[in-house]
Structure formats: structure tokens, C-alpha cells
C-alpha atoms as a PDB file:
ATOM      1  CA  UNK A   1      86.423  88.337  90.954  1.00  0.00           C
ATOM      2  CA  UNK A   2      87.531  89.185  94.565  1.00  0.00           C
ATOM      3  CA  UNK A   3      86.560  92.229  96.598  1.00  0.00           C
ATOM      4  CA  UNK A   4      90.313  93.425  96.236  1.00  0.00           C
ATOM      5  CA  UNK A   5      90.131  93.508  92.472  1.00  0.00           C
ATOM      6  CA  UNK A   6      87.182  95.968  92.967  1.00  0.00           C
ATOM      7  CA  UNK A   7      89.033  98.425  95.176  1.00  0.00           C
ATOM      8  CA  UNK A   8      91.221 100.814  93.421  1.00  0.00           C
ATOM      9  CA  UNK A   9      94.784 100.605  94.442  1.00  0.00           C
ATOM     10  CA  UNK A  10      96.455 103.880  95.527  1.00  0.00           C
ATOM     11  CA  UNK A  11      99.316 104.821  93.311  1.00  0.00           C
ATOM     12  CA  UNK A  12     102.844 105.119  95.132  1.00  0.00           C
ATOM     13  CA  UNK A  13     104.363 108.517  94.267  1.00  0.00           C
ATOM     14  CA  UNK A  14     107.870 109.367  94.141  1.00  0.00           C
ATOM     15  CA  UNK A  15     107.291 111.572  97.226  1.00  0.00           C
ATOM     16  CA  UNK A  16     106.117 108.499  99.068  1.00  0.00           C
ATOM     17  CA  UNK A  17     109.149 106.667  98.225  1.00  0.00           C
ATOM     18  CA  UNK A  18     111.457 109.555  99.299  1.00  0.00           C
ATOM     19  CA  UNK A  19     109.699 109.771 102.562  1.00  0.00           C
ATOM     20  CA  UNK A  20     110.162 106.118 103.228  1.00  0.00           C
ATOM     21  CA  UNK A  21     113.903 106.685 102.615  1.00  0.00           C
ATOM     22  CA  UNK A  22     114.631 105.552  99.140  1.00  0.00           C
ATOM     23  CA  UNK A  23     117.553 107.113  97.302  1.00  0.00           C
ATOM     24  CA  UNK A  24     117.236 108.412  93.666  1.00  0.00           C
ATOM     25  CA  UNK A  25     119.054 105.297  92.372  1.00  0.00           C
ATOM     26  CA  UNK A  26     116.645 102.936  94.066  1.00  0.00           C
ATOM     27  CA  UNK A  27     113.656 104.909  92.882  1.00  0.00           C
ATOM     28  CA  UNK A  28     115.006 104.953  89.373  1.00  0.00           C
ATOM     29  CA  UNK A  29     115.569 101.119  89.569  1.00  0.00           C
ATOM     30  CA  UNK A  30     111.982 100.650  90.974  1.00  0.00           C
ATOM     31  CA  UNK A  31     110.519 102.677  87.906  1.00  0.00           C
ATOM     32  CA  UNK A  32     112.555 100.392  85.524  1.00  0.00           C
ATOM     33  CA  UNK A  33     111.302  97.291  87.215  1.00  0.00           C
ATOM     34  CA  UNK A  34     107.737  98.416  87.120  1.00  0.00           C
ATOM     35  CA  UNK A  35     108.012  99.296  83.459  1.00  0.00           C
ATOM     36  CA  UNK A  36     108.907  95.656  82.936  1.00  0.00           C
ATOM     37  CA  UNK A  37     105.837  94.373  84.425  1.00  0.00           C
ATOM     38  CA  UNK A  38     102.995  96.718  83.712  1.00  0.00           C
ATOM     39  CA  UNK A  39     100.386  93.911  83.523  1.00  0.00           C
ATOM     40  CA  UNK A  40     101.008  92.454  87.038  1.00  0.00           C
ATOM     41  CA  UNK A  41      98.709  95.076  88.527  1.00  0.00           C
ATOM     42  CA  UNK A  42      95.820  93.619  86.730  1.00  0.00           C
ATOM     43  CA  UNK A  43      96.184  90.120  88.122  1.00  0.00           C
ATOM     44  CA  UNK A  44      94.613  89.257  91.123  1.00  0.00           C
ATOM     45  CA  UNK A  45      96.896  86.430  92.571  1.00  0.00           C
ATOM     46  CA  UNK A  46      99.661  84.121  91.526  1.00  0.00           C
ATOM     47  CA  UNK A  47      97.258  81.385  90.723  1.00  0.00           C
ATOM     48  CA  UNK A  48      95.351  83.625  88.364  1.00  0.00           C
ATOM     49  CA  UNK A  49      98.538  84.430  86.710  1.00  0.00           C
ATOM     50  CA  UNK A  50      99.432  80.725  86.278  1.00  0.00           C
ATOM     51  CA  UNK A  51      95.955  80.233  84.690  1.00  0.00           C
ATOM     52  CA  UNK A  52      96.497  83.069  82.324  1.00  0.00           C
ATOM     53  CA  UNK A  53     100.008  81.729  81.250  1.00  0.00           C
ATOM     54  CA  UNK A  54      98.505  78.175  80.723  1.00  0.00           C
ATOM     55  CA  UNK A  55      95.557  79.795  78.522  1.00  0.00           C
ATOM     56  CA  UNK A  56      98.235  81.554  76.499  1.00  0.00           C
ATOM     57  CA  UNK A  57     100.215  78.461  76.031  1.00  0.00           C
ATOM     58  CA  UNK A  58      97.194  76.625  74.889  1.00  0.00           C
ATOM     59  CA  UNK A  59      96.328  79.527  72.371  1.00  0.00           C
ATOM     60  CA  UNK A  60      99.952  79.295  71.109  1.00  0.00           C
ATOM     61  CA  UNK A  61      99.564  75.499  70.713  1.00  0.00           C
ATOM     62  CA  UNK A  62      96.390  75.976  68.628  1.00  0.00           C
ATOM     63  CA  UNK A  63      94.223  74.462  70.985  1.00  0.00           C
ATOM     64  CA  UNK A  64      92.128  77.629  71.606  1.00  0.00           C
ATOM     65  CA  UNK A  65      91.185  80.439  69.186  1.00  0.00           C
ATOM     66  CA  UNK A  66      91.819  84.136  69.811  1.00  0.00           C
ATOM     67  CA  UNK A  67      88.537  86.044  70.210  1.00  0.00           C
END
């Protein structure tokens, strides 16, 4: 586990996005995109994500059992 995974991430608010110049349509698009990937914020890196995908594949293949 890395130090970054122990540090809470600050939540970006709609007010933050408005302050940065995002339009209502862009904010809605970002909200929709985030809803599609709620799990990404719990993954520390692309390497870890690939490992998790591989483990899921192994479970699906019957090589490993779910706990």
C-alpha cells in the first residue's frame, strides 16, 4: 500500500468545477462519467488495476475460488 492510498482524497464539488470554468453540460457529462467508474477511486495505479483484472479473469476461469 502506498502513502497516497492512505491519504484521503478531497472531493471535487460542483462549485469547484464552476469556479474552474466548466459549463453545466460539461459538469453533467463528468457526473455521468464518474457514475460509470465508481471503483476507480479505490485503485492506486494502472498496474494494480491490471492485477485485479487478471485475478478476476482467473476466478472466472475457475482457477481461483471466491472467498
